[in-house]
Amino acid sequence: MAVVTVKSPTGKVISKKKLTDARPYWIYDTATLSTSLADTYVFQSPEGSDNKTIIDTNLKQFSTLQVGWQFVCNKIRIIPRFMSYGDATEVVNLMKDIDTIFSYGVLSFLREGDIEVWRAPLILFGAGCGPMSSVATADSSNAPALASWSNGLPSAGSVMVLPIPIILVGGRTFTFKLSFATGKTLQAERKLWVCLEGMLSREVVGG
C-alpha cells in the first residue's frame, strides 16, 4: 500500500497516513427467477462462475468484496432485465409476471451467512432508469406487438435512498435474498438486476 510520511523540519517523523482511493461505484448482480419463484440469492457468485459474465455481475469474489475495499451503499435499484417482442399473449404474460414479482416479492439483506439485517417489499426499490411501460402495435388489428417495462419512473428521484447506508467491508460476507408469496408462479423465467449504488474506498497500492 502507498503511505505518506509527514516529517518535521528537523526530519522527525510526525505521522504516517495510508493513501485511499475514493470514487462513486456500483455493485450489481443478476437474479434469475424460476417459474416456481423459489427463494433466490444474489451477490453469491462472482463473474466467471456459474456462467456469469460482466453483463450479469461485477462481483469478483464469492459473497464478499476484495480485502482492503469498503463500500458505502446508499441506494438500491431493482431493474428488470427483460422485454417482450411478440404477440398479445406474450405481452400479457409479461404484464402478469411484472405484477407478480413486484406485488408479492420481498428483498432481504443478510450478513455473515444468514444474519438478517432487514427486509422490505420489492416494490419499494425502483429502477430509476430504463424505458417506461409502453405498448406498440404492428398492424391494423391493434394487437400489441412490443412491450417494454420499467420498475417505477425512469428518474433518479424514484430510487430508494436507504435511511441508514449499508457498509460492506472486504473479507466480510453478505448477500441479498428475494422471496415470494407461497403459491405464486411466473409464466416464464425472468431476470432482474440488483444494483447497489454508493461510494467505494480502497487502499492505494504503491511504493
N, C-alpha and C. Protein backbone atom coordinates (compact mmCIF):
# COMPACT_ATOMS: atom_id res chain seq x y z
N MET A 1 0.84 -1.18 0.00
CA MET A 1 0.00 0.00 0.00
C MET A 1 0.87 1.24 0.00
N ALA A 2 0.34 2.36 -0.48
CA ALA A 2 1.08 3.61 -0.51
C ALA A 2 0.87 4.35 0.80
N VAL A 3 1.98 4.89 1.34
CA VAL A 3 1.93 5.59 2.62
C VAL A 3 2.61 6.95 2.47
N VAL A 4 1.97 7.99 3.01
CA VAL A 4 2.57 9.31 3.04
C VAL A 4 3.16 9.53 4.43
N THR A 5 4.43 9.89 4.47
CA THR A 5 5.11 10.14 5.75
C THR A 5 5.21 11.65 5.97
N VAL A 6 4.69 12.12 7.10
CA VAL A 6 4.74 13.53 7.45
C VAL A 6 5.90 13.74 8.43
N LYS A 7 6.84 14.67 8.06
CA LYS A 7 8.01 14.91 8.89
C LYS A 7 8.09 16.38 9.32
N SER A 8 8.76 16.59 10.44
CA SER A 8 9.01 17.96 10.91
C SER A 8 10.18 18.54 10.13
N PRO A 9 10.43 19.87 10.26
CA PRO A 9 11.58 20.47 9.56
C PRO A 9 12.91 19.82 9.93
N THR A 10 12.98 19.21 11.09
CA THR A 10 14.23 18.56 11.51
C THR A 10 14.34 17.13 11.01
N GLY A 11 13.30 16.65 10.34
CA GLY A 11 13.33 15.29 9.82
C GLY A 11 12.67 14.25 10.69
N LYS A 12 12.12 14.67 11.81
CA LYS A 12 11.45 13.73 12.69
C LYS A 12 10.10 13.31 12.10
N VAL A 13 9.83 12.02 12.13
CA VAL A 13 8.57 11.51 11.60
C VAL A 13 7.44 11.87 12.55
N ILE A 14 6.46 12.61 12.05
CA ILE A 14 5.32 13.01 12.88
C ILE A 14 4.18 12.00 12.76
N SER A 15 3.91 11.59 11.55
CA SER A 15 2.83 10.61 11.34
C SER A 15 2.98 9.96 9.97
N LYS A 16 2.29 8.83 9.82
CA LYS A 16 2.22 8.14 8.53
C LYS A 16 0.76 7.90 8.20
N LYS A 17 0.38 8.21 6.97
CA LYS A 17 -1.02 8.08 6.56
C LYS A 17 -1.12 7.21 5.31
N LYS A 18 -2.06 6.29 5.33
CA LYS A 18 -2.33 5.47 4.16
C LYS A 18 -3.10 6.29 3.12
N LEU A 19 -2.72 6.12 1.86
CA LEU A 19 -3.46 6.78 0.79
C LEU A 19 -4.69 5.94 0.43
N THR A 20 -5.81 6.62 0.25
CA THR A 20 -7.06 5.93 -0.08
C THR A 20 -7.65 6.50 -1.36
N ASP A 21 -8.06 5.59 -2.23
CA ASP A 21 -8.75 5.97 -3.46
C ASP A 21 -10.25 5.89 -3.21
N ALA A 22 -10.98 6.98 -3.43
CA ALA A 22 -12.43 7.00 -3.21
C ALA A 22 -13.12 7.43 -4.50
N ARG A 23 -14.22 6.76 -4.82
CA ARG A 23 -14.92 7.06 -6.08
C ARG A 23 -16.37 6.57 -6.00
N PRO A 24 -17.27 7.17 -6.79
CA PRO A 24 -18.62 6.61 -6.92
C PRO A 24 -18.52 5.21 -7.52
N TYR A 25 -19.41 4.32 -7.10
CA TYR A 25 -19.27 2.94 -7.55
C TYR A 25 -20.63 2.25 -7.53
N TRP A 26 -20.75 1.23 -8.39
CA TRP A 26 -21.97 0.42 -8.46
C TRP A 26 -21.57 -1.05 -8.40
N ILE A 27 -22.21 -1.80 -7.54
CA ILE A 27 -22.02 -3.25 -7.47
C ILE A 27 -23.34 -3.89 -7.87
N TYR A 28 -23.30 -4.77 -8.86
CA TYR A 28 -24.55 -5.34 -9.36
C TYR A 28 -24.43 -6.85 -9.55
N ASP A 29 -25.59 -7.49 -9.51
CA ASP A 29 -25.67 -8.92 -9.75
C ASP A 29 -27.05 -9.21 -10.36
N THR A 30 -27.18 -10.37 -10.97
CA THR A 30 -28.42 -10.76 -11.64
C THR A 30 -29.14 -11.84 -10.86
N ALA A 31 -30.42 -11.61 -10.60
CA ALA A 31 -31.29 -12.62 -10.00
C ALA A 31 -32.06 -13.32 -11.13
N THR A 32 -31.88 -14.61 -11.24
CA THR A 32 -32.63 -15.40 -12.22
C THR A 32 -33.80 -16.07 -11.50
N LEU A 33 -35.01 -15.63 -11.82
CA LEU A 33 -36.20 -16.12 -11.14
C LEU A 33 -36.82 -17.27 -11.91
N SER A 34 -36.95 -18.43 -11.26
CA SER A 34 -37.58 -19.58 -11.89
C SER A 34 -39.09 -19.39 -11.93
N THR A 35 -39.76 -20.18 -12.73
CA THR A 35 -41.22 -20.07 -12.83
C THR A 35 -41.89 -20.41 -11.51
N SER A 36 -41.24 -21.20 -10.67
CA SER A 36 -41.81 -21.56 -9.36
C SER A 36 -41.56 -20.51 -8.30
N LEU A 37 -40.76 -19.48 -8.64
CA LEU A 37 -40.45 -18.39 -7.73
C LEU A 37 -39.87 -18.89 -6.39
N ALA A 38 -38.87 -19.76 -6.50
CA ALA A 38 -38.16 -20.20 -5.31
C ALA A 38 -37.30 -19.05 -4.78
N ASP A 39 -36.90 -19.12 -3.50
CA ASP A 39 -36.01 -18.11 -2.95
C ASP A 39 -34.76 -17.99 -3.82
N THR A 40 -34.36 -16.77 -4.10
CA THR A 40 -33.23 -16.52 -4.99
C THR A 40 -32.24 -15.59 -4.31
N TYR A 41 -30.96 -15.99 -4.28
CA TYR A 41 -29.91 -15.20 -3.64
C TYR A 41 -29.06 -14.51 -4.70
N VAL A 42 -28.62 -13.29 -4.39
CA VAL A 42 -27.70 -12.58 -5.28
C VAL A 42 -26.47 -12.15 -4.50
N PHE A 43 -25.41 -11.81 -5.25
CA PHE A 43 -24.11 -11.45 -4.69
C PHE A 43 -23.46 -12.65 -3.96
N GLN A 44 -23.67 -13.83 -4.52
CA GLN A 44 -23.00 -15.03 -4.02
C GLN A 44 -21.93 -15.51 -4.98
N SER A 45 -22.23 -15.46 -6.29
CA SER A 45 -21.30 -15.99 -7.29
C SER A 45 -20.69 -14.85 -8.10
N PRO A 46 -19.36 -14.81 -8.22
CA PRO A 46 -18.71 -13.72 -8.95
C PRO A 46 -18.70 -13.95 -10.46
N GLU A 47 -18.25 -12.94 -11.16
CA GLU A 47 -18.06 -13.04 -12.61
C GLU A 47 -17.13 -14.20 -12.93
N GLY A 48 -17.51 -15.01 -13.93
CA GLY A 48 -16.69 -16.15 -14.32
C GLY A 48 -17.16 -17.46 -13.73
N SER A 49 -18.04 -17.42 -12.71
CA SER A 49 -18.59 -18.65 -12.14
C SER A 49 -20.07 -18.75 -12.52
N ASP A 50 -20.58 -19.97 -12.52
CA ASP A 50 -22.00 -20.21 -12.86
C ASP A 50 -22.39 -19.55 -14.18
N ASN A 51 -21.46 -19.51 -15.13
CA ASN A 51 -21.69 -18.94 -16.46
C ASN A 51 -22.01 -17.44 -16.43
N LYS A 52 -21.59 -16.76 -15.38
CA LYS A 52 -21.86 -15.32 -15.29
C LYS A 52 -20.79 -14.53 -16.04
N THR A 53 -21.25 -13.51 -16.78
CA THR A 53 -20.35 -12.61 -17.49
C THR A 53 -20.45 -11.22 -16.86
N ILE A 54 -19.71 -10.27 -17.42
CA ILE A 54 -19.72 -8.91 -16.90
C ILE A 54 -21.11 -8.27 -17.04
N ILE A 55 -21.93 -8.79 -17.94
CA ILE A 55 -23.31 -8.30 -18.06
C ILE A 55 -24.13 -8.72 -16.84
N ASP A 56 -23.81 -9.86 -16.25
CA ASP A 56 -24.58 -10.39 -15.13
C ASP A 56 -24.15 -9.82 -13.79
N THR A 57 -22.84 -9.63 -13.59
CA THR A 57 -22.34 -9.19 -12.28
C THR A 57 -20.95 -8.58 -12.43
N ASN A 58 -20.59 -7.71 -11.49
CA ASN A 58 -19.20 -7.24 -11.42
C ASN A 58 -18.55 -7.64 -10.10
N LEU A 59 -19.20 -8.57 -9.39
CA LEU A 59 -18.62 -9.12 -8.17
C LEU A 59 -17.40 -9.97 -8.53
N LYS A 60 -16.31 -9.82 -7.80
CA LYS A 60 -15.06 -10.51 -8.12
C LYS A 60 -14.77 -11.69 -7.20
N GLN A 61 -15.43 -11.75 -6.04
CA GLN A 61 -15.21 -12.84 -5.10
C GLN A 61 -16.55 -13.36 -4.61
N PHE A 62 -16.56 -14.57 -4.07
CA PHE A 62 -17.79 -15.18 -3.61
C PHE A 62 -18.29 -14.48 -2.36
N SER A 63 -19.46 -13.83 -2.45
CA SER A 63 -20.19 -13.26 -1.31
C SER A 63 -19.44 -12.18 -0.55
N THR A 64 -18.43 -11.57 -1.16
CA THR A 64 -17.69 -10.52 -0.46
C THR A 64 -16.97 -9.63 -1.45
N LEU A 65 -16.43 -8.52 -0.95
CA LEU A 65 -15.59 -7.64 -1.74
C LEU A 65 -14.12 -7.98 -1.48
N GLN A 66 -13.25 -7.39 -2.29
CA GLN A 66 -11.83 -7.62 -2.10
C GLN A 66 -11.38 -7.03 -0.76
N VAL A 67 -10.42 -7.70 -0.13
CA VAL A 67 -9.84 -7.20 1.12
C VAL A 67 -9.21 -5.82 0.86
N GLY A 68 -9.45 -4.89 1.76
CA GLY A 68 -8.96 -3.52 1.58
C GLY A 68 -10.00 -2.60 0.97
N TRP A 69 -11.14 -3.16 0.51
CA TRP A 69 -12.22 -2.35 -0.05
C TRP A 69 -13.27 -2.08 1.03
N GLN A 70 -13.87 -0.89 0.96
CA GLN A 70 -15.05 -0.58 1.76
C GLN A 70 -16.05 0.15 0.88
N PHE A 71 -17.27 -0.35 0.86
CA PHE A 71 -18.31 0.21 0.00
C PHE A 71 -19.47 0.69 0.87
N VAL A 72 -19.80 1.96 0.76
CA VAL A 72 -20.93 2.54 1.48
C VAL A 72 -22.09 2.66 0.50
N CYS A 73 -23.09 1.81 0.68
CA CYS A 73 -24.26 1.76 -0.22
C CYS A 73 -25.38 2.62 0.34
N ASN A 74 -25.83 3.60 -0.45
CA ASN A 74 -26.95 4.43 0.00
C ASN A 74 -28.19 4.31 -0.88
N LYS A 75 -28.07 3.57 -1.99
CA LYS A 75 -29.23 3.37 -2.86
C LYS A 75 -29.25 1.94 -3.38
N ILE A 76 -30.45 1.40 -3.57
CA ILE A 76 -30.62 0.08 -4.16
C ILE A 76 -31.64 0.17 -5.30
N ARG A 77 -31.26 -0.37 -6.43
CA ARG A 77 -32.15 -0.38 -7.60
C ARG A 77 -32.47 -1.83 -7.98
N ILE A 78 -33.72 -2.11 -8.31
CA ILE A 78 -34.13 -3.39 -8.88
C ILE A 78 -34.56 -3.12 -10.32
N ILE A 79 -33.83 -3.70 -11.28
CA ILE A 79 -34.02 -3.35 -12.69
C ILE A 79 -34.41 -4.59 -13.48
N PRO A 80 -35.61 -4.63 -14.07
CA PRO A 80 -35.99 -5.79 -14.91
C PRO A 80 -35.06 -5.93 -16.10
N ARG A 81 -34.67 -7.18 -16.36
CA ARG A 81 -33.79 -7.47 -17.49
C ARG A 81 -34.56 -8.21 -18.58
N PHE A 82 -35.71 -7.70 -18.93
CA PHE A 82 -36.46 -8.39 -19.97
C PHE A 82 -37.40 -7.43 -20.67
N MET A 83 -37.61 -7.70 -21.94
CA MET A 83 -38.61 -7.00 -22.75
C MET A 83 -39.38 -8.07 -23.52
N SER A 84 -40.46 -7.67 -24.16
CA SER A 84 -41.27 -8.63 -24.91
C SER A 84 -41.45 -8.15 -26.34
N TYR A 85 -41.05 -8.98 -27.29
CA TYR A 85 -41.31 -8.72 -28.70
C TYR A 85 -42.18 -9.87 -29.20
N GLY A 86 -43.42 -9.63 -29.45
CA GLY A 86 -44.25 -10.74 -29.89
C GLY A 86 -45.72 -10.40 -29.92
N ASP A 87 -46.55 -11.43 -29.78
CA ASP A 87 -47.98 -11.24 -29.92
C ASP A 87 -48.61 -10.81 -28.60
N ALA A 88 -49.93 -10.65 -28.64
CA ALA A 88 -50.65 -10.16 -27.46
C ALA A 88 -50.48 -11.09 -26.27
N THR A 89 -50.44 -12.40 -26.51
CA THR A 89 -50.31 -13.36 -25.42
C THR A 89 -48.99 -13.18 -24.69
N GLU A 90 -47.91 -12.97 -25.44
CA GLU A 90 -46.59 -12.79 -24.84
C GLU A 90 -46.56 -11.51 -24.01
N VAL A 91 -47.19 -10.46 -24.52
CA VAL A 91 -47.23 -9.19 -23.78
C VAL A 91 -48.02 -9.34 -22.49
N VAL A 92 -49.17 -10.02 -22.56
CA VAL A 92 -49.99 -10.23 -21.37
C VAL A 92 -49.23 -11.05 -20.33
N ASN A 93 -48.52 -12.08 -20.78
CA ASN A 93 -47.73 -12.90 -19.84
C ASN A 93 -46.66 -12.07 -19.14
N LEU A 94 -46.02 -11.17 -19.89
CA LEU A 94 -45.02 -10.30 -19.29
C LEU A 94 -45.65 -9.39 -18.25
N MET A 95 -46.81 -8.83 -18.57
CA MET A 95 -47.51 -7.96 -17.62
C MET A 95 -47.87 -8.72 -16.35
N LYS A 96 -48.31 -9.95 -16.49
CA LYS A 96 -48.66 -10.78 -15.33
C LYS A 96 -47.43 -11.02 -14.45
N ASP A 97 -46.29 -11.32 -15.09
CA ASP A 97 -45.09 -11.62 -14.33
C ASP A 97 -44.55 -10.39 -13.61
N ILE A 98 -44.60 -9.24 -14.28
CA ILE A 98 -44.18 -7.99 -13.63
C ILE A 98 -45.01 -7.74 -12.38
N ASP A 99 -46.32 -7.91 -12.51
CA ASP A 99 -47.21 -7.69 -11.37
C ASP A 99 -46.91 -8.67 -10.24
N THR A 100 -46.70 -9.94 -10.59
CA THR A 100 -46.42 -10.96 -9.57
C THR A 100 -45.11 -10.67 -8.83
N ILE A 101 -44.06 -10.36 -9.58
CA ILE A 101 -42.74 -10.14 -8.98
C ILE A 101 -42.77 -8.99 -7.99
N PHE A 102 -43.34 -7.87 -8.41
CA PHE A 102 -43.25 -6.67 -7.58
C PHE A 102 -44.41 -6.52 -6.59
N SER A 103 -45.46 -7.29 -6.76
CA SER A 103 -46.57 -7.24 -5.80
C SER A 103 -46.43 -8.28 -4.69
N TYR A 104 -45.69 -9.35 -4.95
CA TYR A 104 -45.60 -10.45 -3.99
C TYR A 104 -44.16 -10.79 -3.61
N GLY A 105 -43.22 -9.89 -3.91
CA GLY A 105 -41.81 -10.15 -3.61
C GLY A 105 -41.29 -9.33 -2.45
N VAL A 106 -40.28 -9.88 -1.75
CA VAL A 106 -39.63 -9.22 -0.62
C VAL A 106 -38.12 -9.32 -0.81
N LEU A 107 -37.40 -8.24 -0.50
CA LEU A 107 -35.94 -8.24 -0.55
C LEU A 107 -35.38 -8.22 0.87
N SER A 108 -34.46 -9.15 1.16
CA SER A 108 -33.82 -9.21 2.48
C SER A 108 -32.32 -9.02 2.34
N PHE A 109 -31.74 -8.29 3.29
CA PHE A 109 -30.28 -8.09 3.33
C PHE A 109 -29.71 -8.95 4.44
N LEU A 110 -28.72 -9.79 4.11
CA LEU A 110 -28.13 -10.73 5.05
C LEU A 110 -26.63 -10.49 5.18
N ARG A 111 -26.12 -10.60 6.41
CA ARG A 111 -24.69 -10.52 6.67
C ARG A 111 -24.18 -11.84 7.23
N GLU A 112 -22.90 -12.12 6.98
CA GLU A 112 -22.22 -13.28 7.58
C GLU A 112 -23.06 -14.56 7.49
N GLY A 113 -23.51 -14.84 6.28
CA GLY A 113 -24.27 -16.06 6.07
C GLY A 113 -25.77 -15.85 6.10
N ASP A 114 -26.38 -16.02 7.29
CA ASP A 114 -27.84 -15.97 7.38
C ASP A 114 -28.34 -14.98 8.43
N ILE A 115 -27.53 -13.99 8.79
CA ILE A 115 -27.97 -13.00 9.77
C ILE A 115 -28.75 -11.92 9.03
N GLU A 116 -30.06 -11.92 9.22
CA GLU A 116 -30.90 -10.95 8.51
C GLU A 116 -30.82 -9.59 9.18
N VAL A 117 -30.49 -8.56 8.39
CA VAL A 117 -30.40 -7.19 8.90
C VAL A 117 -31.73 -6.48 8.71
N TRP A 118 -32.32 -6.62 7.52
CA TRP A 118 -33.66 -6.05 7.28
C TRP A 118 -34.31 -6.74 6.10
N ARG A 119 -35.62 -6.51 5.96
CA ARG A 119 -36.36 -6.98 4.79
C ARG A 119 -37.41 -5.93 4.44
N ALA A 120 -37.75 -5.84 3.16
CA ALA A 120 -38.72 -4.83 2.72
C ALA A 120 -39.37 -5.30 1.42
N PRO A 121 -40.60 -4.82 1.12
CA PRO A 121 -41.26 -5.19 -0.13
C PRO A 121 -40.43 -4.79 -1.35
N LEU A 122 -40.41 -5.65 -2.33
CA LEU A 122 -39.61 -5.43 -3.53
C LEU A 122 -40.03 -4.17 -4.28
N ILE A 123 -41.30 -3.83 -4.21
CA ILE A 123 -41.83 -2.70 -4.96
C ILE A 123 -41.21 -1.38 -4.52
N LEU A 124 -40.63 -1.34 -3.31
CA LEU A 124 -40.01 -0.10 -2.82
C LEU A 124 -38.75 0.28 -3.60
N PHE A 125 -38.10 -0.71 -4.22
CA PHE A 125 -36.78 -0.48 -4.80
C PHE A 125 -36.92 -0.21 -6.30
N GLY A 126 -37.25 1.04 -6.64
CA GLY A 126 -37.45 1.43 -8.03
C GLY A 126 -36.18 1.36 -8.84
N ALA A 127 -36.34 1.17 -10.16
CA ALA A 127 -35.18 1.08 -11.05
C ALA A 127 -34.55 2.46 -11.26
N GLY A 128 -35.39 3.48 -11.41
CA GLY A 128 -34.87 4.83 -11.64
C GLY A 128 -34.19 5.00 -12.98
N CYS A 129 -34.39 4.05 -13.90
CA CYS A 129 -33.75 4.12 -15.21
C CYS A 129 -34.49 3.19 -16.17
N GLY A 130 -34.11 3.24 -17.42
CA GLY A 130 -34.69 2.33 -18.40
C GLY A 130 -35.96 2.87 -19.02
N PRO A 131 -36.53 2.11 -19.97
CA PRO A 131 -37.74 2.55 -20.67
C PRO A 131 -38.97 2.50 -19.78
N MET A 132 -39.91 3.39 -20.05
CA MET A 132 -41.19 3.36 -19.35
C MET A 132 -42.06 2.24 -19.93
N SER A 133 -43.16 1.90 -19.23
CA SER A 133 -44.12 0.95 -19.78
C SER A 133 -44.68 1.51 -21.08
N SER A 134 -44.69 0.68 -22.11
CA SER A 134 -45.23 1.13 -23.39
C SER A 134 -45.66 -0.08 -24.20
N VAL A 135 -46.65 0.14 -25.05
CA VAL A 135 -47.12 -0.91 -25.95
C VAL A 135 -47.25 -0.31 -27.34
N ALA A 136 -46.71 -1.00 -28.35
CA ALA A 136 -46.81 -0.54 -29.73
C ALA A 136 -47.56 -1.59 -30.53
N THR A 137 -48.22 -1.17 -31.58
CA THR A 137 -48.94 -2.10 -32.44
C THR A 137 -48.26 -2.17 -33.80
N ALA A 138 -48.32 -3.34 -34.39
CA ALA A 138 -47.60 -3.56 -35.65
C ALA A 138 -48.51 -3.53 -36.87
N ASP A 139 -49.82 -3.66 -36.68
CA ASP A 139 -50.71 -3.70 -37.84
C ASP A 139 -52.07 -3.13 -37.48
N SER A 140 -52.98 -3.18 -38.42
CA SER A 140 -54.30 -2.57 -38.24
C SER A 140 -55.18 -3.32 -37.25
N SER A 141 -54.77 -4.52 -36.84
CA SER A 141 -55.58 -5.29 -35.89
C SER A 141 -55.45 -4.75 -34.47
N ASN A 142 -54.49 -3.85 -34.25
CA ASN A 142 -54.24 -3.27 -32.93
C ASN A 142 -53.79 -4.29 -31.89
N ALA A 143 -53.31 -5.44 -32.35
CA ALA A 143 -52.77 -6.43 -31.42
C ALA A 143 -51.41 -5.96 -30.91
N PRO A 144 -51.17 -5.93 -29.59
CA PRO A 144 -49.88 -5.47 -29.07
C PRO A 144 -48.74 -6.32 -29.62
N ALA A 145 -47.71 -5.65 -30.13
CA ALA A 145 -46.58 -6.36 -30.71
C ALA A 145 -45.28 -6.09 -29.97
N LEU A 146 -45.21 -5.00 -29.18
CA LEU A 146 -43.99 -4.68 -28.46
C LEU A 146 -44.36 -4.13 -27.10
N ALA A 147 -43.68 -4.60 -26.07
CA ALA A 147 -43.91 -4.05 -24.74
C ALA A 147 -42.58 -3.93 -24.03
N SER A 148 -42.34 -2.82 -23.38
CA SER A 148 -41.14 -2.67 -22.55
C SER A 148 -41.58 -2.12 -21.20
N TRP A 149 -40.84 -2.50 -20.14
CA TRP A 149 -41.33 -2.22 -18.80
C TRP A 149 -40.21 -1.72 -17.90
N SER A 150 -40.55 -0.81 -17.02
CA SER A 150 -39.60 -0.30 -16.04
C SER A 150 -40.25 -0.35 -14.67
N ASN A 151 -39.46 -0.69 -13.66
CA ASN A 151 -39.95 -0.70 -12.28
C ASN A 151 -39.89 0.71 -11.73
N GLY A 152 -40.98 1.46 -11.86
CA GLY A 152 -41.01 2.85 -11.42
C GLY A 152 -40.59 3.79 -12.54
N LEU A 153 -40.70 5.09 -12.29
CA LEU A 153 -40.33 6.08 -13.28
C LEU A 153 -38.83 6.04 -13.58
N PRO A 154 -38.44 6.25 -14.85
CA PRO A 154 -37.02 6.29 -15.17
C PRO A 154 -36.43 7.64 -14.76
N SER A 155 -36.40 7.87 -13.46
CA SER A 155 -35.91 9.13 -12.90
C SER A 155 -35.13 8.81 -11.62
N ALA A 156 -34.02 9.54 -11.42
CA ALA A 156 -33.19 9.29 -10.24
C ALA A 156 -33.99 9.50 -8.95
N GLY A 157 -35.01 10.33 -9.01
CA GLY A 157 -35.81 10.61 -7.82
C GLY A 157 -36.67 9.45 -7.38
N SER A 158 -36.83 8.44 -8.23
CA SER A 158 -37.67 7.30 -7.86
C SER A 158 -36.87 6.15 -7.24
N VAL A 159 -35.56 6.35 -7.05
CA VAL A 159 -34.70 5.31 -6.48
C VAL A 159 -34.76 5.37 -4.95
N MET A 160 -34.85 4.18 -4.32
CA MET A 160 -34.87 4.10 -2.86
C MET A 160 -33.54 4.59 -2.28
N VAL A 161 -33.61 5.61 -1.40
CA VAL A 161 -32.45 6.06 -0.65
C VAL A 161 -32.56 5.47 0.75
N LEU A 162 -31.58 4.67 1.14
CA LEU A 162 -31.66 3.98 2.42
C LEU A 162 -31.57 4.96 3.59
N PRO A 163 -32.42 4.82 4.61
CA PRO A 163 -32.35 5.70 5.78
C PRO A 163 -31.00 5.65 6.47
N ILE A 164 -30.42 4.45 6.53
CA ILE A 164 -29.08 4.24 7.07
C ILE A 164 -28.28 3.46 6.03
N PRO A 165 -27.17 4.01 5.53
CA PRO A 165 -26.40 3.30 4.50
C PRO A 165 -25.91 1.93 4.96
N ILE A 166 -25.73 1.04 4.01
CA ILE A 166 -25.12 -0.26 4.25
C ILE A 166 -23.62 -0.12 4.03
N ILE A 167 -22.81 -0.58 4.98
CA ILE A 167 -21.37 -0.54 4.83
C ILE A 167 -20.86 -1.97 4.62
N LEU A 168 -20.29 -2.21 3.44
CA LEU A 168 -19.75 -3.52 3.10
C LEU A 168 -18.22 -3.44 3.15
N VAL A 169 -17.61 -4.35 3.90
CA VAL A 169 -16.16 -4.36 4.09
C VAL A 169 -15.58 -5.61 3.45
N GLY A 170 -14.53 -5.45 2.68
CA GLY A 170 -13.89 -6.58 2.02
C GLY A 170 -13.49 -7.67 3.00
N GLY A 171 -13.81 -8.91 2.67
CA GLY A 171 -13.50 -10.04 3.54
C GLY A 171 -14.65 -10.47 4.42
N ARG A 172 -15.68 -9.62 4.56
CA ARG A 172 -16.86 -9.97 5.34
C ARG A 172 -18.01 -10.27 4.38
N THR A 173 -18.66 -11.40 4.58
CA THR A 173 -19.64 -11.86 3.61
C THR A 173 -20.98 -11.15 3.76
N PHE A 174 -21.69 -11.08 2.64
CA PHE A 174 -23.04 -10.51 2.60
C PHE A 174 -23.78 -11.14 1.43
N THR A 175 -25.08 -11.00 1.43
CA THR A 175 -25.91 -11.43 0.31
C THR A 175 -27.28 -10.78 0.44
N PHE A 176 -28.04 -10.84 -0.64
CA PHE A 176 -29.43 -10.39 -0.64
C PHE A 176 -30.30 -11.55 -1.09
N LYS A 177 -31.48 -11.66 -0.51
CA LYS A 177 -32.40 -12.75 -0.86
C LYS A 177 -33.71 -12.18 -1.36
N LEU A 178 -34.21 -12.73 -2.47
CA LEU A 178 -35.53 -12.39 -2.98
C LEU A 178 -36.47 -13.54 -2.64
N SER A 179 -37.53 -13.24 -1.90
CA SER A 179 -38.52 -14.24 -1.51
C SER A 179 -39.88 -13.82 -2.04
N PHE A 180 -40.75 -14.81 -2.23
CA PHE A 180 -42.06 -14.53 -2.82
C PHE A 180 -43.16 -15.28 -2.08
N ALA A 181 -44.37 -14.75 -2.19
CA ALA A 181 -45.52 -15.34 -1.52
C ALA A 181 -45.73 -16.78 -1.99
N THR A 182 -46.12 -17.65 -1.07
CA THR A 182 -46.36 -19.05 -1.38
C THR A 182 -47.45 -19.20 -2.44
N GLY A 183 -47.19 -20.06 -3.41
CA GLY A 183 -48.19 -20.36 -4.42
C GLY A 183 -48.12 -19.49 -5.66
N LYS A 184 -47.28 -18.45 -5.66
CA LYS A 184 -47.17 -17.57 -6.82
C LYS A 184 -46.18 -18.16 -7.83
N THR A 185 -46.49 -18.03 -9.10
CA THR A 185 -45.64 -18.56 -10.16
C THR A 185 -45.52 -17.54 -11.29
N LEU A 186 -44.55 -17.79 -12.18
CA LEU A 186 -44.34 -16.94 -13.35
C LEU A 186 -44.69 -17.71 -14.62
N GLN A 187 -44.97 -16.95 -15.67
CA GLN A 187 -45.27 -17.56 -16.97
C GLN A 187 -43.98 -18.05 -17.64
N ALA A 188 -42.84 -17.41 -17.31
CA ALA A 188 -41.55 -17.79 -17.89
C ALA A 188 -40.45 -17.36 -16.93
N GLU A 189 -39.25 -17.91 -17.12
CA GLU A 189 -38.10 -17.49 -16.32
C GLU A 189 -37.81 -16.02 -16.59
N ARG A 190 -37.54 -15.25 -15.53
CA ARG A 190 -37.27 -13.81 -15.68
C ARG A 190 -35.97 -13.46 -14.95
N LYS A 191 -35.35 -12.36 -15.38
CA LYS A 191 -34.12 -11.90 -14.75
C LYS A 191 -34.26 -10.46 -14.29
N LEU A 192 -33.62 -10.17 -13.14
CA LEU A 192 -33.58 -8.83 -12.59
C LEU A 192 -32.14 -8.48 -12.24
N TRP A 193 -31.74 -7.22 -12.48
CA TRP A 193 -30.50 -6.72 -11.91
C TRP A 193 -30.80 -6.19 -10.51
N VAL A 194 -29.97 -6.53 -9.55
CA VAL A 194 -29.98 -5.88 -8.25
C VAL A 194 -28.71 -5.03 -8.20
N CYS A 195 -28.89 -3.71 -8.12
CA CYS A 195 -27.76 -2.79 -8.24
C CYS A 195 -27.61 -1.96 -6.96
N LEU A 196 -26.44 -2.05 -6.35
CA LEU A 196 -26.11 -1.27 -5.16
C LEU A 196 -25.30 -0.05 -5.60
N GLU A 197 -25.72 1.12 -5.16
CA GLU A 197 -25.09 2.36 -5.61
C GLU A 197 -24.52 3.11 -4.40
N GLY A 198 -23.28 3.60 -4.53
CA GLY A 198 -22.70 4.30 -3.40
C GLY A 198 -21.29 4.76 -3.65
N MET A 199 -20.46 4.72 -2.62
CA MET A 199 -19.09 5.21 -2.67
C MET A 199 -18.11 4.12 -2.25
N LEU A 200 -17.13 3.86 -3.10
CA LEU A 200 -16.12 2.85 -2.83
C LEU A 200 -14.82 3.53 -2.40
N SER A 201 -14.21 3.02 -1.33
CA SER A 201 -12.87 3.46 -0.94
C SER A 201 -11.98 2.23 -0.81
N ARG A 202 -10.74 2.38 -1.24
CA ARG A 202 -9.80 1.27 -1.17
C ARG A 202 -8.38 1.81 -1.04
N GLU A 203 -7.53 1.02 -0.43
CA GLU A 203 -6.16 1.43 -0.22
C GLU A 203 -5.42 1.53 -1.56
N VAL A 204 -4.62 2.57 -1.69
CA VAL A 204 -3.81 2.74 -2.87
C VAL A 204 -2.55 1.88 -2.75
N VAL A 205 -2.29 1.08 -3.77
CA VAL A 205 -1.12 0.20 -3.76
C VAL A 205 0.02 0.91 -4.47
N GLY A 206 1.17 0.96 -3.84
CA GLY A 206 2.31 1.64 -4.45
C GLY A 206 3.49 1.66 -3.52
N GLY A 207 4.51 2.43 -3.87
CA GLY A 207 5.70 2.48 -3.06
C GLY A 207 5.56 3.43 -1.87
